[in-house]
PDB file of N, CA and C in Angstrom:
ATOM      1  N   UNK A   1      16.224  13.099   4.836  1.00  0.00           N
ATOM      2  CA  UNK A   1      15.515  11.906   5.268  1.00  0.00           C
ATOM      3  C   UNK A   1      16.510  10.876   5.776  1.00  0.00           C
ATOM      4  N   UNK A   2      16.116  10.157   6.773  1.00  0.00           N
ATOM      5  CA  UNK A   2      16.985   9.109   7.287  1.00  0.00           C
ATOM      6  C   UNK A   2      16.846   7.856   6.427  1.00  0.00           C
ATOM      7  N   UNK A   3      17.785   6.969   6.553  1.00  0.00           N
ATOM      8  CA  UNK A   3      17.768   5.731   5.780  1.00  0.00           C
ATOM      9  C   UNK A   3      17.172   4.596   6.594  1.00  0.00           C
ATOM     10  N   UNK A   4      15.943   4.728   6.962  1.00  0.00           N
ATOM     11  CA  UNK A   4      15.269   3.654   7.682  1.00  0.00           C
ATOM     12  C   UNK A   4      14.680   2.674   6.685  1.00  0.00           C
ATOM     13  N   UNK A   5      14.803   1.414   6.979  1.00  0.00           N
ATOM     14  CA  UNK A   5      14.225   0.386   6.130  1.00  0.00           C
ATOM     15  C   UNK A   5      12.863   0.008   6.679  1.00  0.00           C
ATOM     16  N   UNK A   6      11.861   0.136   5.847  1.00  0.00           N
ATOM     17  CA  UNK A   6      10.518  -0.263   6.227  1.00  0.00           C
ATOM     18  C   UNK A   6      10.326  -1.688   5.724  1.00  0.00           C
ATOM     19  N   UNK A   7       9.965  -2.567   6.620  1.00  0.00           N
ATOM     20  CA  UNK A   7       9.777  -3.950   6.233  1.00  0.00           C
ATOM     21  C   UNK A   7       8.300  -4.289   6.311  1.00  0.00           C
ATOM     22  N   UNK A   8       7.792  -4.862   5.256  1.00  0.00           N
ATOM     23  CA  UNK A   8       6.399  -5.254   5.226  1.00  0.00           C
ATOM     24  C   UNK A   8       5.909  -5.341   3.791  1.00  0.00           C
ATOM     25  N   UNK A   9       4.681  -5.774   3.654  1.00  0.00           N
ATOM     26  CA  UNK A   9       4.045  -5.896   2.357  1.00  0.00           C
ATOM     27  C   UNK A   9       2.700  -5.213   2.436  1.00  0.00           C
ATOM     28  N   UNK A  10       2.431  -4.318   1.491  1.00  0.00           N
ATOM     29  CA  UNK A  10       1.132  -3.682   1.405  1.00  0.00           C
ATOM     30  C   UNK A  10       0.406  -4.348   0.249  1.00  0.00           C
ATOM     31  N   UNK A  11      -0.709  -4.978   0.545  1.00  0.00           N
ATOM     32  CA  UNK A  11      -1.421  -5.690  -0.498  1.00  0.00           C
ATOM     33  C   UNK A  11      -2.801  -6.109  -0.053  1.00  0.00           C
ATOM     34  N   UNK A  12      -3.411  -6.910  -0.892  1.00  0.00           N
ATOM     35  CA  UNK A  12      -4.770  -7.386  -0.666  1.00  0.00           C
ATOM     36  C   UNK A  12      -4.748  -8.914  -0.610  1.00  0.00           C
ATOM     37  N   UNK A  13      -5.339  -9.460   0.437  1.00  0.00           N
ATOM     38  CA  UNK A  13      -5.371 -10.910   0.579  1.00  0.00           C
ATOM     39  C   UNK A  13      -6.348 -11.486  -0.439  1.00  0.00           C
ATOM     40  N   UNK A  14      -5.864 -12.425  -1.240  1.00  0.00           N
ATOM     41  CA  UNK A  14      -6.701 -13.073  -2.244  1.00  0.00           C
ATOM     42  C   UNK A  14      -7.250 -14.402  -1.757  1.00  0.00           C
ATOM     43  N   UNK A  15      -6.522 -15.042  -0.862  1.00  0.00           N
ATOM     44  CA  UNK A  15      -6.991 -16.322  -0.362  1.00  0.00           C
ATOM     45  C   UNK A  15      -5.864 -17.134   0.247  1.00  0.00           C
ATOM     46  N   UNK A  16      -6.186 -18.391   0.528  1.00  0.00           N
ATOM     47  CA  UNK A  16      -5.215 -19.311   1.110  1.00  0.00           C
ATOM     48  C   UNK A  16      -5.045 -20.498   0.166  1.00  0.00           C
ATOM     49  N   UNK A  17      -3.875 -21.110   0.227  1.00  0.00           N
ATOM     50  CA  UNK A  17      -3.617 -22.330  -0.517  1.00  0.00           C
ATOM     51  C   UNK A  17      -2.533 -23.088   0.235  1.00  0.00           C
ATOM     52  N   UNK A  18      -2.007 -24.111  -0.380  1.00  0.00           N
ATOM     53  CA  UNK A  18      -0.934 -24.871   0.248  1.00  0.00           C
ATOM     54  C   UNK A  18       0.090 -25.261  -0.792  1.00  0.00           C
ATOM     55  N   UNK A  19       1.328 -25.398  -0.359  1.00  0.00           N
ATOM     56  CA  UNK A  19       2.418 -25.827  -1.224  1.00  0.00           C
ATOM     57  C   UNK A  19       3.190 -26.914  -0.491  1.00  0.00           C
ATOM     58  N   UNK A  20       4.004 -27.629  -1.247  1.00  0.00           N
ATOM     59  CA  UNK A  20       4.841 -28.673  -0.664  1.00  0.00           C
ATOM     60  C   UNK A  20       6.269 -28.172  -0.555  1.00  0.00           C
ATOM     61  N   UNK A  21       6.922 -28.423   0.585  1.00  0.00           N
ATOM     62  CA  UNK A  21       8.318 -28.026   0.737  1.00  0.00           C
ATOM     63  C   UNK A  21       9.224 -29.115   0.186  1.00  0.00           C
ATOM     64  N   UNK A  22      10.531 -28.972   0.371  1.00  0.00           N
ATOM     65  CA  UNK A  22      11.503 -29.914  -0.202  1.00  0.00           C
ATOM     66  C   UNK A  22      11.455 -31.290   0.445  1.00  0.00           C
ATOM     67  N   UNK A  23      10.804 -31.413   1.604  1.00  0.00           N
ATOM     68  CA  UNK A  23      10.652 -32.716   2.262  1.00  0.00           C
ATOM     69  C   UNK A  23       9.233 -33.256   2.113  1.00  0.00           C
ATOM     70  N   UNK A  24       8.500 -32.731   1.122  1.00  0.00           N
ATOM     71  CA  UNK A  24       7.128 -33.155   0.798  1.00  0.00           C
ATOM     72  C   UNK A  24       6.144 -32.949   1.947  1.00  0.00           C
ATOM     73  N   UNK A  25       6.383 -31.925   2.751  1.00  0.00           N
ATOM     74  CA  UNK A  25       5.424 -31.551   3.787  1.00  0.00           C
ATOM     75  C   UNK A  25       4.529 -30.451   3.237  1.00  0.00           C
ATOM     76  N   UNK A  26       3.274 -30.460   3.638  1.00  0.00           N
ATOM     77  CA  UNK A  26       2.337 -29.426   3.208  1.00  0.00           C
ATOM     78  C   UNK A  26       2.534 -28.187   4.078  1.00  0.00           C
ATOM     79  N   UNK A  27       2.659 -27.031   3.412  1.00  0.00           N
ATOM     80  CA  UNK A  27       2.845 -25.761   4.113  1.00  0.00           C
ATOM     81  C   UNK A  27       1.711 -24.821   3.696  1.00  0.00           C
ATOM     82  N   UNK A  28       0.887 -24.351   4.648  1.00  0.00           N
ATOM     83  CA  UNK A  28      -0.166 -23.395   4.289  1.00  0.00           C
ATOM     84  C   UNK A  28       0.431 -22.028   3.962  1.00  0.00           C
ATOM     85  N   UNK A  29      -0.075 -21.382   2.909  1.00  0.00           N
ATOM     86  CA  UNK A  29       0.422 -20.065   2.512  1.00  0.00           C
ATOM     87  C   UNK A  29      -0.759 -19.136   2.210  1.00  0.00           C
ATOM     88  N   UNK A  30      -0.509 -17.855   2.367  1.00  0.00           N
ATOM     89  CA  UNK A  30      -1.488 -16.825   2.034  1.00  0.00           C
ATOM     90  C   UNK A  30      -1.113 -16.214   0.694  1.00  0.00           C
ATOM     91  N   UNK A  31      -2.088 -16.090  -0.210  1.00  0.00           N
ATOM     92  CA  UNK A  31      -1.864 -15.493  -1.521  1.00  0.00           C
ATOM     93  C   UNK A  31      -2.222 -14.012  -1.421  1.00  0.00           C
ATOM     94  N   UNK A  32      -1.255 -13.141  -1.761  1.00  0.00           N
ATOM     95  CA  UNK A  32      -1.426 -11.693  -1.636  1.00  0.00           C
ATOM     96  C   UNK A  32      -1.168 -11.022  -2.975  1.00  0.00           C
ATOM     97  N   UNK A  33      -2.051 -10.097  -3.353  1.00  0.00           N
ATOM     98  CA  UNK A  33      -1.817  -9.239  -4.513  1.00  0.00           C
ATOM     99  C   UNK A  33      -1.071  -8.014  -3.987  1.00  0.00           C
ATOM    100  N   UNK A  34       0.178  -7.872  -4.357  1.00  0.00           N
ATOM    101  CA  UNK A  34       1.004  -6.774  -3.847  1.00  0.00           C
ATOM    102  C   UNK A  34       1.319  -5.805  -4.969  1.00  0.00           C
ATOM    103  N   UNK A  35       1.051  -4.526  -4.719  1.00  0.00           N
ATOM    104  CA  UNK A  35       1.404  -3.465  -5.658  1.00  0.00           C
ATOM    105  C   UNK A  35       0.500  -3.402  -6.863  1.00  0.00           C
ATOM    106  N   UNK A  36       0.624  -2.424  -7.669  1.00  0.00           N
ATOM    107  CA  UNK A  36       1.529  -1.302  -7.503  1.00  0.00           C
ATOM    108  C   UNK A  36       1.008  -0.312  -6.460  1.00  0.00           C
ATOM    109  N   UNK A  37       1.907   0.257  -5.724  1.00  0.00           N
ATOM    110  CA  UNK A  37       1.586   1.282  -4.731  1.00  0.00           C
ATOM    111  C   UNK A  37       2.085   2.623  -5.267  1.00  0.00           C
ATOM    112  N   UNK A  38       1.245   3.630  -5.124  1.00  0.00           N
ATOM    113  CA  UNK A  38       1.607   4.959  -5.603  1.00  0.00           C
ATOM    114  C   UNK A  38       1.837   5.885  -4.415  1.00  0.00           C
ATOM    115  N   UNK A  39       2.873   6.702  -4.495  1.00  0.00           N
ATOM    116  CA  UNK A  39       3.125   7.699  -3.457  1.00  0.00           C
ATOM    117  C   UNK A  39       2.199   8.879  -3.719  1.00  0.00           C
ATOM    118  N   UNK A  40       1.342   9.214  -2.737  1.00  0.00           N
ATOM    119  CA  UNK A  40       0.413  10.323  -2.916  1.00  0.00           C
ATOM    120  C   UNK A  40       0.757  11.513  -2.024  1.00  0.00           C
ATOM    121  N   UNK A  41       1.665  11.322  -1.067  1.00  0.00           N
ATOM    122  CA  UNK A  41       2.083  12.446  -0.232  1.00  0.00           C
ATOM    123  C   UNK A  41       3.446  12.133   0.370  1.00  0.00           C
ATOM    124  N   UNK A  42       4.281  13.150   0.427  1.00  0.00           N
ATOM    125  CA  UNK A  42       5.621  13.012   0.982  1.00  0.00           C
ATOM    126  C   UNK A  42       5.806  14.067   2.063  1.00  0.00           C
ATOM    127  N   UNK A  43       6.061  13.627   3.282  1.00  0.00           N
ATOM    128  CA  UNK A  43       6.362  14.540   4.383  1.00  0.00           C
ATOM    129  C   UNK A  43       7.877  14.616   4.529  1.00  0.00           C
ATOM    130  N   UNK A  44       8.389  15.828   4.684  1.00  0.00           N
ATOM    131  CA  UNK A  44       9.826  16.030   4.856  1.00  0.00           C
ATOM    132  C   UNK A  44      10.096  16.662   6.218  1.00  0.00           C
ATOM    133  N   UNK A  45      11.253  16.386   6.802  1.00  0.00           N
ATOM    134  CA  UNK A  45      11.578  16.974   8.108  1.00  0.00           C
ATOM    135  C   UNK A  45      11.613  18.504   8.079  1.00  0.00           C
ATOM    136  N   UNK A  46      12.023  19.081   6.975  1.00  0.00           N
ATOM    137  CA  UNK A  46      12.091  20.540   6.872  1.00  0.00           C
ATOM    138  C   UNK A  46      10.710  21.176   6.958  1.00  0.00           C
ATOM    139  N   UNK A  47       9.719  20.541   6.383  1.00  0.00           N
ATOM    140  CA  UNK A  47       8.378  21.113   6.324  1.00  0.00           C
ATOM    141  C   UNK A  47       7.460  20.575   7.413  1.00  0.00           C
ATOM    142  N   UNK A  48       7.570  19.274   7.718  1.00  0.00           N
ATOM    143  CA  UNK A  48       6.604  18.616   8.591  1.00  0.00           C
ATOM    144  C   UNK A  48       7.199  18.079   9.893  1.00  0.00           C
ATOM    145  N   UNK A  49       8.462  18.284  10.151  1.00  0.00           N
ATOM    146  CA  UNK A  49       9.180  17.844  11.347  1.00  0.00           C
ATOM    147  C   UNK A  49       9.513  16.347  11.312  1.00  0.00           C
ATOM    148  N   UNK A  50       8.901  15.582  10.454  1.00  0.00           N
ATOM    149  CA  UNK A  50       9.184  14.145  10.361  1.00  0.00           C
ATOM    150  C   UNK A  50       9.147  13.725   8.900  1.00  0.00           C
ATOM    151  N   UNK A  51       9.715  12.579   8.603  1.00  0.00           N
ATOM    152  CA  UNK A  51       9.735  12.050   7.243  1.00  0.00           C
ATOM    153  C   UNK A  51       8.747  10.900   7.145  1.00  0.00           C
ATOM    154  N   UNK A  52       7.920  10.933   6.118  1.00  0.00           N
ATOM    155  CA  UNK A  52       6.938   9.868   5.929  1.00  0.00           C
ATOM    156  C   UNK A  52       6.451   9.863   4.487  1.00  0.00           C
ATOM    157  N   UNK A  53       5.954   8.719   4.074  1.00  0.00           N
ATOM    158  CA  UNK A  53       5.302   8.561   2.777  1.00  0.00           C
ATOM    159  C   UNK A  53       3.865   8.147   3.009  1.00  0.00           C
ATOM    160  N   UNK A  54       2.969   8.646   2.182  1.00  0.00           N
ATOM    161  CA  UNK A  54       1.602   8.142   2.189  1.00  0.00           C
ATOM    162  C   UNK A  54       1.410   7.419   0.867  1.00  0.00           C
ATOM    163  N   UNK A  55       0.983   6.160   0.953  1.00  0.00           N
ATOM    164  CA  UNK A  55       0.833   5.325  -0.227  1.00  0.00           C
ATOM    165  C   UNK A  55      -0.634   5.067  -0.519  1.00  0.00           C
ATOM    166  N   UNK A  56      -0.939   4.900  -1.801  1.00  0.00           N
ATOM    167  CA  UNK A  56      -2.271   4.483  -2.235  1.00  0.00           C
ATOM    168  C   UNK A  56      -2.119   3.134  -2.913  1.00  0.00           C
ATOM    169  N   UNK A  57      -3.036   2.242  -2.613  1.00  0.00           N
ATOM    170  CA  UNK A  57      -2.999   0.902  -3.204  1.00  0.00           C
ATOM    171  C   UNK A  57      -4.372   0.570  -3.751  1.00  0.00           C
ATOM    172  N   UNK A  58      -4.427   0.083  -4.957  1.00  0.00           N
ATOM    173  CA  UNK A  58      -5.682  -0.351  -5.545  1.00  0.00           C
ATOM    174  C   UNK A  58      -6.541   0.812  -5.995  1.00  0.00           C
ATOM    175  N   UNK A  59      -7.402   0.543  -6.939  1.00  0.00           N
ATOM    176  CA  UNK A  59      -8.316   1.556  -7.437  1.00  0.00           C
ATOM    177  C   UNK A  59      -9.692   1.337  -6.840  1.00  0.00           C
ATOM    178  N   UNK A  60     -10.466   2.394  -6.781  1.00  0.00           N
ATOM    179  CA  UNK A  60     -11.816   2.315  -6.253  1.00  0.00           C
ATOM    180  C   UNK A  60     -12.665   3.361  -6.952  1.00  0.00           C
ATOM    181  N   UNK A  61     -13.972   3.289  -6.759  1.00  0.00           N
ATOM    182  CA  UNK A  61     -14.871   4.282  -7.328  1.00  0.00           C
ATOM    183  C   UNK A  61     -14.751   5.582  -6.545  1.00  0.00           C
ATOM    184  N   UNK A  62     -14.883   6.687  -7.235  1.00  0.00           N
ATOM    185  CA  UNK A  62     -14.808   7.989  -6.570  1.00  0.00           C
ATOM    186  C   UNK A  62     -15.934   8.146  -5.552  1.00  0.00           C
ATOM    187  N   UNK A  63     -17.072   7.505  -5.776  1.00  0.00           N
ATOM    188  CA  UNK A  63     -18.198   7.623  -4.849  1.00  0.00           C
ATOM    189  C   UNK A  63     -17.937   6.892  -3.531  1.00  0.00           C
ATOM    190  N   UNK A  64     -16.940   6.023  -3.489  1.00  0.00           N
ATOM    191  CA  UNK A  64     -16.611   5.284  -2.263  1.00  0.00           C
ATOM    192  C   UNK A  64     -15.536   5.979  -1.431  1.00  0.00           C
ATOM    193  N   UNK A  65     -15.045   7.122  -1.921  1.00  0.00           N
ATOM    194  CA  UNK A  65     -13.992   7.866  -1.240  1.00  0.00           C
ATOM    195  C   UNK A  65     -14.598   9.165  -0.726  1.00  0.00           C
ATOM    196  N   UNK A  66     -14.236   9.565   0.489  1.00  0.00           N
ATOM    197  CA  UNK A  66     -14.790  10.797   1.049  1.00  0.00           C
ATOM    198  C   UNK A  66     -14.278  12.015   0.275  1.00  0.00           C
ATOM    199  N   UNK A  67     -15.018  13.114   0.359  1.00  0.00           N
ATOM    200  CA  UNK A  67     -14.625  14.332  -0.348  1.00  0.00           C
ATOM    201  C   UNK A  67     -13.260  14.851   0.108  1.00  0.00           C
ATOM    202  N   UNK A  68     -12.956  14.838   1.417  1.00  0.00           N
ATOM    203  CA  UNK A  68     -11.603  15.269   1.807  1.00  0.00           C
ATOM    204  C   UNK A  68     -10.503  14.384   1.215  1.00  0.00           C
ATOM    205  N   UNK A  69     -10.735  13.080   1.172  1.00  0.00           N
ATOM    206  CA  UNK A  69      -9.735  12.179   0.584  1.00  0.00           C
ATOM    207  C   UNK A  69      -9.603  12.420  -0.912  1.00  0.00           C
ATOM    208  N   UNK A  70     -10.732  12.678  -1.599  1.00  0.00           N
ATOM    209  CA  UNK A  70     -10.672  12.973  -3.032  1.00  0.00           C
ATOM    210  C   UNK A  70      -9.863  14.242  -3.288  1.00  0.00           C
ATOM    211  N   UNK A  71     -10.057  15.260  -2.446  1.00  0.00           N
ATOM    212  CA  UNK A  71      -9.287  16.490  -2.590  1.00  0.00           C
ATOM    213  C   UNK A  71      -7.801  16.248  -2.368  1.00  0.00           C
ATOM    214  N   UNK A  72      -7.483  15.420  -1.402  1.00  0.00           N
ATOM    215  CA  UNK A  72      -6.089  15.082  -1.116  1.00  0.00           C
ATOM    216  C   UNK A  72      -5.464  14.343  -2.304  1.00  0.00           C
ATOM    217  N   UNK A  73      -6.200  13.404  -2.880  1.00  0.00           N
ATOM    218  CA  UNK A  73      -5.695  12.652  -4.030  1.00  0.00           C
ATOM    219  C   UNK A  73      -5.588  13.549  -5.260  1.00  0.00           C
ATOM    220  N   UNK A  74      -6.556  14.466  -5.411  1.00  0.00           N
ATOM    221  CA  UNK A  74      -6.518  15.378  -6.559  1.00  0.00           C
ATOM    222  C   UNK A  74      -5.283  16.272  -6.490  1.00  0.00           C
ATOM    223  N   UNK A  75      -4.912  16.731  -5.289  1.00  0.00           N
ATOM    224  CA  UNK A  75      -3.718  17.561  -5.127  1.00  0.00           C
ATOM    225  C   UNK A  75      -2.462  16.797  -5.537  1.00  0.00           C
ATOM    226  N   UNK A  76      -2.498  15.463  -5.396  1.00  0.00           N
ATOM    227  CA  UNK A  76      -1.359  14.632  -5.786  1.00  0.00           C
ATOM    228  C   UNK A  76      -1.481  14.118  -7.218  1.00  0.00           C
ATOM    229  N   UNK A  77      -2.508  14.590  -7.942  1.00  0.00           N
ATOM    230  CA  UNK A  77      -2.781  14.127  -9.313  1.00  0.00           C
ATOM    231  C   UNK A  77      -2.916  12.610  -9.376  1.00  0.00           C
ATOM    232  N   UNK A  78      -3.614  12.049  -8.383  1.00  0.00           N
ATOM    233  CA  UNK A  78      -3.794  10.607  -8.305  1.00  0.00           C
ATOM    234  C   UNK A  78      -5.264  10.247  -8.512  1.00  0.00           C
ATOM    235  N   UNK A  79      -5.495   9.076  -9.057  1.00  0.00           N
ATOM    236  CA  UNK A  79      -6.849   8.559  -9.223  1.00  0.00           C
ATOM    237  C   UNK A  79      -7.415   8.128  -7.873  1.00  0.00           C
ATOM    238  N   UNK A  80      -8.742   8.039  -7.746  1.00  0.00           N
ATOM    239  CA  UNK A  80      -9.316   7.538  -6.479  1.00  0.00           C
ATOM    240  C   UNK A  80      -8.747   6.166  -6.152  1.00  0.00           C
ATOM    241  N   UNK A  81      -8.285   6.032  -4.898  1.00  0.00           N
ATOM    242  CA  UNK A  81      -7.640   4.798  -4.478  1.00  0.00           C
ATOM    243  C   UNK A  81      -7.876   4.587  -3.001  1.00  0.00           C
ATOM    244  N   UNK A  82      -7.559   3.391  -2.555  1.00  0.00           N
ATOM    245  CA  UNK A  82      -7.689   3.060  -1.143  1.00  0.00           C
ATOM    246  C   UNK A  82      -6.431   3.467  -0.420  1.00  0.00           C
TER     247      UNK A  82
END
């Protein structure tokens, strides 16, 4: 696998709020629930020609997940997730 850095945040937006900076200016911010993220599939260059991770975030009801996705998660021994 190559050493590529992935930059970003995987999470769920909870809402907006505001904070004050060091000069007492109001700064709007987004509140995000980040993690935990579980790795449910790993692609390797030897097997799949490219390197990639598939992540699951958050829990959900099994009835809200399609049967193919449930089978994919079951193969990874993972609970139903988004």
